[in-house]
Amino acid sequence: MNKSYHDCKNTRSNLILLSFFKYARDLEAVLSLAGDKRAILLGHSMGGMTILRFCRLFPEYLMITTSMVCGTHQVAC
């Protein structure tokens, strides 16, 4: 079952998930100020997770995506 972050209890992992939503929204605000200029987004660790969340929330910004992942990260409700 796929739950939104609103359905989750206030656990540490859910607070981390909420911060990725916030960082993704902040990134969108910065990119919207750039207007029609193109941007290449690269992230490592937390930056990579933020960019992945950004891609899910704002697919209209995407032209091409690629992901290089080492290890696993799981946030469960």
PDB file of N, CA and C in Angstrom:
ATOM      1  N   MET A   1       0.844  -1.181   0.000  1.00  0.00           N
ATOM      2  CA  MET A   1       0.000   0.000   0.000  1.00  0.00           C
ATOM      3  C   MET A   1       0.881   1.232   0.000  1.00  0.00           C
ATOM      4  N   ASN A   2       0.604   2.155  -0.893  1.00  0.00           N
ATOM      5  CA  ASN A   2       1.397   3.358  -1.025  1.00  0.00           C
ATOM      6  C   ASN A   2       0.727   4.501  -0.264  1.00  0.00           C
ATOM      7  N   LYS A   3       1.401   5.024   0.751  1.00  0.00           N
ATOM      8  CA  LYS A   3       0.829   6.092   1.574  1.00  0.00           C
ATOM      9  C   LYS A   3       1.540   7.401   1.276  1.00  0.00           C
ATOM     10  N   SER A   4       0.818   8.486   1.379  1.00  0.00           N
ATOM     11  CA  SER A   4       1.460   9.787   1.281  1.00  0.00           C
ATOM     12  C   SER A   4       2.087  10.116   2.631  1.00  0.00           C
ATOM     13  N   TYR A   5       2.926  11.138   2.656  1.00  0.00           N
ATOM     14  CA  TYR A   5       3.581  11.481   3.914  1.00  0.00           C
ATOM     15  C   TYR A   5       2.592  11.992   4.940  1.00  0.00           C
ATOM     16  N   HIS A   6       1.394  12.421   4.532  1.00  0.00           N
ATOM     17  CA  HIS A   6       0.389  12.884   5.489  1.00  0.00           C
ATOM     18  C   HIS A   6      -0.156  11.727   6.328  1.00  0.00           C
ATOM     19  N   ASP A   7      -0.086  10.498   5.796  1.00  0.00           N
ATOM     20  CA  ASP A   7      -0.644   9.341   6.481  1.00  0.00           C
ATOM     21  C   ASP A   7       0.316   8.741   7.511  1.00  0.00           C
ATOM     22  N   CYS A   8       1.542   9.173   7.524  1.00  0.00           N
ATOM     23  CA  CYS A   8       2.568   8.554   8.369  1.00  0.00           C
ATOM     24  C   CYS A   8       2.574   9.155   9.774  1.00  0.00           C
ATOM     25  N   LYS A   9       2.969   8.345  10.722  1.00  0.00           N
ATOM     26  CA  LYS A   9       3.142   8.851  12.084  1.00  0.00           C
ATOM     27  C   LYS A   9       4.440   9.644  12.165  1.00  0.00           C
ATOM     28  N   ASN A  10       4.633  10.396  13.215  1.00  0.00           N
ATOM     29  CA  ASN A  10       5.811  11.233  13.387  1.00  0.00           C
ATOM     30  C   ASN A  10       7.006  10.441  13.898  1.00  0.00           C
ATOM     31  N   THR A  11       7.557   9.579  13.077  1.00  0.00           N
ATOM     32  CA  THR A  11       8.760   8.859  13.437  1.00  0.00           C
ATOM     33  C   THR A  11       9.956   9.578  12.830  1.00  0.00           C
ATOM     34  N   ARG A  12      11.143   9.208  13.246  1.00  0.00           N
ATOM     35  CA  ARG A  12      12.351   9.848  12.725  1.00  0.00           C
ATOM     36  C   ARG A  12      12.435   9.716  11.209  1.00  0.00           C
ATOM     37  N   SER A  13      12.183   8.522  10.666  1.00  0.00           N
ATOM     38  CA  SER A  13      12.283   8.327   9.225  1.00  0.00           C
ATOM     39  C   SER A  13      11.242   9.154   8.478  1.00  0.00           C
ATOM     40  N   ASN A  14      10.074   9.346   9.062  1.00  0.00           N
ATOM     41  CA  ASN A  14       9.054  10.159   8.412  1.00  0.00           C
ATOM     42  C   ASN A  14       9.416  11.638   8.447  1.00  0.00           C
ATOM     43  N   LEU A  15      10.075  12.079   9.495  1.00  0.00           N
ATOM     44  CA  LEU A  15      10.535  13.466   9.542  1.00  0.00           C
ATOM     45  C   LEU A  15      11.605  13.706   8.491  1.00  0.00           C
ATOM     46  N   ILE A  16      12.454  12.712   8.255  1.00  0.00           N
ATOM     47  CA  ILE A  16      13.459  12.821   7.192  1.00  0.00           C
ATOM     48  C   ILE A  16      12.761  12.928   5.843  1.00  0.00           C
ATOM     49  N   LEU A  17      11.743  12.106   5.618  1.00  0.00           N
ATOM     50  CA  LEU A  17      10.985  12.150   4.375  1.00  0.00           C
ATOM     51  C   LEU A  17      10.349  13.522   4.191  1.00  0.00           C
ATOM     52  N   LEU A  18       9.789  14.082   5.245  1.00  0.00           N
ATOM     53  CA  LEU A  18       9.190  15.413   5.164  1.00  0.00           C
ATOM     54  C   LEU A  18      10.231  16.459   4.795  1.00  0.00           C
ATOM     55  N   SER A  19      11.457  16.336   5.307  1.00  0.00           N
ATOM     56  CA  SER A  19      12.487  17.316   4.978  1.00  0.00           C
ATOM     57  C   SER A  19      12.861  17.216   3.503  1.00  0.00           C
ATOM     58  N   PHE A  20      12.821  16.015   2.900  1.00  0.00           N
ATOM     59  CA  PHE A  20      13.103  15.900   1.472  1.00  0.00           C
ATOM     60  C   PHE A  20      12.027  16.600   0.654  1.00  0.00           C
ATOM     61  N   PHE A  21      10.770  16.542   1.089  1.00  0.00           N
ATOM     62  CA  PHE A  21       9.715  17.290   0.421  1.00  0.00           C
ATOM     63  C   PHE A  21      10.009  18.786   0.502  1.00  0.00           C
ATOM     64  N   LYS A  22      10.425  19.255   1.682  1.00  0.00           N
ATOM     65  CA  LYS A  22      10.726  20.676   1.855  1.00  0.00           C
ATOM     66  C   LYS A  22      11.900  21.094   0.978  1.00  0.00           C
ATOM     67  N   TYR A  23      12.974  20.307   0.983  1.00  0.00           N
ATOM     68  CA  TYR A  23      14.142  20.646   0.170  1.00  0.00           C
ATOM     69  C   TYR A  23      13.797  20.638  -1.318  1.00  0.00           C
ATOM     70  N   ALA A  24      12.955  19.699  -1.755  1.00  0.00           N
ATOM     71  CA  ALA A  24      12.547  19.647  -3.156  1.00  0.00           C
ATOM     72  C   ALA A  24      11.737  20.884  -3.525  1.00  0.00           C
ATOM     73  N   ARG A  25      10.853  21.313  -2.634  1.00  0.00           N
ATOM     74  CA  ARG A  25      10.081  22.535  -2.892  1.00  0.00           C
ATOM     75  C   ARG A  25      10.993  23.763  -2.919  1.00  0.00           C
ATOM     76  N   ASP A  26      11.987  23.794  -2.046  1.00  0.00           N
ATOM     77  CA  ASP A  26      12.953  24.898  -2.054  1.00  0.00           C
ATOM     78  C   ASP A  26      13.738  24.919  -3.365  1.00  0.00           C
ATOM     79  N   LEU A  27      14.131  23.748  -3.843  1.00  0.00           N
ATOM     80  CA  LEU A  27      14.852  23.647  -5.111  1.00  0.00           C
ATOM     81  C   LEU A  27      13.985  24.150  -6.259  1.00  0.00           C
ATOM     82  N   GLU A  28      12.695  23.813  -6.237  1.00  0.00           N
ATOM     83  CA  GLU A  28      11.775  24.282  -7.274  1.00  0.00           C
ATOM     84  C   GLU A  28      11.676  25.803  -7.241  1.00  0.00           C
ATOM     85  N   ALA A  29      11.664  26.393  -6.061  1.00  0.00           N
ATOM     86  CA  ALA A  29      11.596  27.854  -5.948  1.00  0.00           C
ATOM     87  C   ALA A  29      12.826  28.507  -6.577  1.00  0.00           C
ATOM     88  N   VAL A  30      13.995  27.936  -6.343  1.00  0.00           N
ATOM     89  CA  VAL A  30      15.223  28.472  -6.932  1.00  0.00           C
ATOM     90  C   VAL A  30      15.191  28.336  -8.450  1.00  0.00           C
ATOM     91  N   LEU A  31      14.793  27.166  -8.943  1.00  0.00           N
ATOM     92  CA  LEU A  31      14.751  26.956 -10.394  1.00  0.00           C
ATOM     93  C   LEU A  31      13.706  27.837 -11.070  1.00  0.00           C
ATOM     94  N   SER A  32      12.607  28.104 -10.397  1.00  0.00           N
ATOM     95  CA  SER A  32      11.591  28.961 -10.997  1.00  0.00           C
ATOM     96  C   SER A  32      12.103  30.395 -11.136  1.00  0.00           C
ATOM     97  N   LEU A  33      12.995  30.815 -10.244  1.00  0.00           N
ATOM     98  CA  LEU A  33      13.607  32.145 -10.370  1.00  0.00           C
ATOM     99  C   LEU A  33      14.519  32.231 -11.581  1.00  0.00           C
ATOM    100  N   ALA A  34      15.082  31.104 -11.984  1.00  0.00           N
ATOM    101  CA  ALA A  34      15.973  31.071 -13.148  1.00  0.00           C
ATOM    102  C   ALA A  34      15.204  31.197 -14.452  1.00  0.00           C
ATOM    103  N   GLY A  35      13.905  31.029 -14.407  1.00  0.00           N
ATOM    104  CA  GLY A  35      13.086  31.172 -15.605  1.00  0.00           C
ATOM    105  C   GLY A  35      13.305  30.033 -16.578  1.00  0.00           C
ATOM    106  N   ASP A  36      13.555  30.389 -17.843  1.00  0.00           N
ATOM    107  CA  ASP A  36      13.701  29.388 -18.899  1.00  0.00           C
ATOM    108  C   ASP A  36      15.113  28.823 -19.022  1.00  0.00           C
ATOM    109  N   LYS A  37      16.017  29.223 -18.149  1.00  0.00           N
ATOM    110  CA  LYS A  37      17.389  28.713 -18.215  1.00  0.00           C
ATOM    111  C   LYS A  37      17.408  27.246 -17.825  1.00  0.00           C
ATOM    112  N   ARG A  38      18.236  26.472 -18.495  1.00  0.00           N
ATOM    113  CA  ARG A  38      18.371  25.049 -18.179  1.00  0.00           C
ATOM    114  C   ARG A  38      19.314  24.861 -16.998  1.00  0.00           C
ATOM    115  N   ALA A  39      19.095  23.791 -16.264  1.00  0.00           N
ATOM    116  CA  ALA A  39      19.949  23.476 -15.116  1.00  0.00           C
ATOM    117  C   ALA A  39      20.273  21.988 -15.144  1.00  0.00           C
ATOM    118  N   ILE A  40      21.477  21.670 -14.760  1.00  0.00           N
ATOM    119  CA  ILE A  40      21.889  20.281 -14.570  1.00  0.00           C
ATOM    120  C   ILE A  40      22.007  20.073 -13.070  1.00  0.00           C
ATOM    121  N   LEU A  41      21.251  19.117 -12.553  1.00  0.00           N
ATOM    122  CA  LEU A  41      21.234  18.869 -11.117  1.00  0.00           C
ATOM    123  C   LEU A  41      22.020  17.607 -10.806  1.00  0.00           C
ATOM    124  N   LEU A  42      22.978  17.724  -9.929  1.00  0.00           N
ATOM    125  CA  LEU A  42      23.768  16.600  -9.451  1.00  0.00           C
ATOM    126  C   LEU A  42      23.715  16.608  -7.934  1.00  0.00           C
ATOM    127  N   GLY A  43      23.597  15.449  -7.351  1.00  0.00           N
ATOM    128  CA  GLY A  43      23.567  15.400  -5.897  1.00  0.00           C
ATOM    129  C   GLY A  43      24.220  14.142  -5.383  1.00  0.00           C
ATOM    130  N   HIS A  44      24.810  14.243  -4.225  1.00  0.00           N
ATOM    131  CA  HIS A  44      25.428  13.104  -3.566  1.00  0.00           C
ATOM    132  C   HIS A  44      24.766  12.934  -2.213  1.00  0.00           C
ATOM    133  N   SER A  45      24.454  11.714  -1.864  1.00  0.00           N
ATOM    134  CA  SER A  45      23.871  11.398  -0.576  1.00  0.00           C
ATOM    135  C   SER A  45      22.544  12.127  -0.403  1.00  0.00           C
ATOM    136  N   MET A  46      22.457  13.013   0.547  1.00  0.00           N
ATOM    137  CA  MET A  46      21.203  13.721   0.802  1.00  0.00           C
ATOM    138  C   MET A  46      20.791  14.586  -0.396  1.00  0.00           C
ATOM    139  N   GLY A  47      21.770  15.142  -1.084  1.00  0.00           N
ATOM    140  CA  GLY A  47      21.478  15.928  -2.285  1.00  0.00           C
ATOM    141  C   GLY A  47      20.856  15.078  -3.372  1.00  0.00           C
ATOM    142  N   GLY A  48      21.341  13.857  -3.519  1.00  0.00           N
ATOM    143  CA  GLY A  48      20.767  12.933  -4.492  1.00  0.00           C
ATOM    144  C   GLY A  48      19.339  12.563  -4.148  1.00  0.00           C
ATOM    145  N   MET A  49      19.071  12.319  -2.878  1.00  0.00           N
ATOM    146  CA  MET A  49      17.716  11.996  -2.440  1.00  0.00           C
ATOM    147  C   MET A  49      16.774  13.192  -2.655  1.00  0.00           C
ATOM    148  N   THR A  50      17.289  14.390  -2.438  1.00  0.00           N
ATOM    149  CA  THR A  50      16.488  15.589  -2.664  1.00  0.00           C
ATOM    150  C   THR A  50      16.132  15.730  -4.143  1.00  0.00           C
ATOM    151  N   ILE A  51      17.099  15.484  -5.012  1.00  0.00           N
ATOM    152  CA  ILE A  51      16.846  15.584  -6.449  1.00  0.00           C
ATOM    153  C   ILE A  51      15.845  14.518  -6.894  1.00  0.00           C
ATOM    154  N   LEU A  52      15.953  13.305  -6.368  1.00  0.00           N
ATOM    155  CA  LEU A  52      14.983  12.268  -6.711  1.00  0.00           C
ATOM    156  C   LEU A  52      13.573  12.665  -6.276  1.00  0.00           C
ATOM    157  N   ARG A  53      13.440  13.233  -5.093  1.00  0.00           N
ATOM    158  CA  ARG A  53      12.139  13.698  -4.615  1.00  0.00           C
ATOM    159  C   ARG A  53      11.641  14.837  -5.502  1.00  0.00           C
ATOM    160  N   PHE A  54      12.546  15.732  -5.891  1.00  0.00           N
ATOM    161  CA  PHE A  54      12.200  16.834  -6.791  1.00  0.00           C
ATOM    162  C   PHE A  54      11.634  16.293  -8.112  1.00  0.00           C
ATOM    163  N   CYS A  55      12.264  15.259  -8.658  1.00  0.00           N
ATOM    164  CA  CYS A  55      11.812  14.670  -9.921  1.00  0.00           C
ATOM    165  C   CYS A  55      10.409  14.090  -9.796  1.00  0.00           C
ATOM    166  N   ARG A  56      10.101  13.508  -8.656  1.00  0.00           N
ATOM    167  CA  ARG A  56       8.751  12.961  -8.441  1.00  0.00           C
ATOM    168  C   ARG A  56       7.711  14.064  -8.295  1.00  0.00           C
ATOM    169  N   LEU A  57       8.083  15.163  -7.630  1.00  0.00           N
ATOM    170  CA  LEU A  57       7.125  16.237  -7.384  1.00  0.00           C
ATOM    171  C   LEU A  57       6.942  17.181  -8.570  1.00  0.00           C
ATOM    172  N   PHE A  58       7.999  17.372  -9.343  1.00  0.00           N
ATOM    173  CA  PHE A  58       7.981  18.368 -10.408  1.00  0.00           C
ATOM    174  C   PHE A  58       8.475  17.781 -11.730  1.00  0.00           C
ATOM    175  N   PRO A  59       7.768  16.803 -12.279  1.00  0.00           N
ATOM    176  CA  PRO A  59       8.224  16.169 -13.520  1.00  0.00           C
ATOM    177  C   PRO A  59       8.252  17.123 -14.712  1.00  0.00           C
ATOM    178  N   GLU A  60       7.546  18.237 -14.629  1.00  0.00           N
ATOM    179  CA  GLU A  60       7.528  19.194 -15.734  1.00  0.00           C
ATOM    180  C   GLU A  60       8.891  19.838 -15.982  1.00  0.00           C
ATOM    181  N   TYR A  61       9.790  19.782 -15.006  1.00  0.00           N
ATOM    182  CA  TYR A  61      11.132  20.342 -15.166  1.00  0.00           C
ATOM    183  C   TYR A  61      12.087  19.391 -15.887  1.00  0.00           C
ATOM    184  N   LEU A  62      11.706  18.140 -16.021  1.00  0.00           N
ATOM    185  CA  LEU A  62      12.629  17.119 -16.507  1.00  0.00           C
ATOM    186  C   LEU A  62      12.714  17.074 -18.021  1.00  0.00           C
ATOM    187  N   MET A  63      13.926  16.896 -18.500  1.00  0.00           N
ATOM    188  CA  MET A  63      14.156  16.569 -19.901  1.00  0.00           C
ATOM    189  C   MET A  63      14.753  15.162 -19.968  1.00  0.00           C
ATOM    190  N   ILE A  64      15.761  14.933 -19.159  1.00  0.00           N
ATOM    191  CA  ILE A  64      16.446  13.640 -19.090  1.00  0.00           C
ATOM    192  C   ILE A  64      16.769  13.368 -17.636  1.00  0.00           C
ATOM    193  N   THR A  65      16.598  12.136 -17.211  1.00  0.00           N
ATOM    194  CA  THR A  65      17.005  11.779 -15.854  1.00  0.00           C
ATOM    195  C   THR A  65      17.914  10.567 -15.910  1.00  0.00           C
ATOM    196  N   THR A  66      18.804  10.512 -14.985  1.00  0.00           N
ATOM    197  CA  THR A  66      19.639   9.338 -14.793  1.00  0.00           C
ATOM    198  C   THR A  66      19.954   9.254 -13.313  1.00  0.00           C
ATOM    199  N   SER A  67      20.220   8.078 -12.848  1.00  0.00           N
ATOM    200  CA  SER A  67      20.495   7.905 -11.432  1.00  0.00           C
ATOM    201  C   SER A  67      21.605   6.887 -11.253  1.00  0.00           C
ATOM    202  N   MET A  68      22.570   7.232 -10.427  1.00  0.00           N
ATOM    203  CA  MET A  68      23.624   6.296 -10.042  1.00  0.00           C
ATOM    204  C   MET A  68      23.472   6.075  -8.546  1.00  0.00           C
ATOM    205  N   VAL A  69      23.165   4.866  -8.163  1.00  0.00           N
ATOM    206  CA  VAL A  69      22.883   4.584  -6.769  1.00  0.00           C
ATOM    207  C   VAL A  69      23.815   3.480  -6.261  1.00  0.00           C
ATOM    208  N   CYS A  70      24.365   3.701  -5.092  1.00  0.00           N
ATOM    209  CA  CYS A  70      25.145   2.691  -4.396  1.00  0.00           C
ATOM    210  C   CYS A  70      24.519   2.498  -3.026  1.00  0.00           C
ATOM    211  N   GLY A  71      24.155   1.296  -2.685  1.00  0.00           N
ATOM    212  CA  GLY A  71      23.541   1.021  -1.401  1.00  0.00           C
ATOM    213  C   GLY A  71      22.037   1.162  -1.487  1.00  0.00           C
ATOM    214  N   THR A  72      21.391   1.112  -0.335  1.00  0.00           N
ATOM    215  CA  THR A  72      19.941   1.218  -0.295  1.00  0.00           C
ATOM    216  C   THR A  72      19.520   2.198   0.766  1.00  0.00           C
ATOM    217  N   HIS A  73      18.341   2.719   0.586  1.00  0.00           N
ATOM    218  CA  HIS A  73      17.752   3.608   1.574  1.00  0.00           C
ATOM    219  C   HIS A  73      16.258   3.325   1.570  1.00  0.00           C
ATOM    220  N   GLN A  74      15.691   3.089   2.711  1.00  0.00           N
ATOM    221  CA  GLN A  74      14.282   2.762   2.771  1.00  0.00           C
ATOM    222  C   GLN A  74      13.626   3.609   3.856  1.00  0.00           C
ATOM    223  N   VAL A  75      12.550   4.279   3.504  1.00  0.00           N
ATOM    224  CA  VAL A  75      11.743   5.011   4.460  1.00  0.00           C
ATOM    225  C   VAL A  75      10.376   4.369   4.416  1.00  0.00           C
ATOM    226  N   ALA A  76       9.961   3.781   5.520  1.00  0.00           N
ATOM    227  CA  ALA A  76       8.685   3.086   5.568  1.00  0.00           C
ATOM    228  C   ALA A  76       7.749   3.772   6.552  1.00  0.00           C
ATOM    229  N   CYS A  77       6.476   3.708   6.262  1.00  0.00           N
ATOM    230  CA  CYS A  77       5.468   4.246   7.177  1.00  0.00           C
ATOM    231  C   CYS A  77       5.046   3.172   8.138  1.00  0.00           C
TER     232      CYS A  77
END
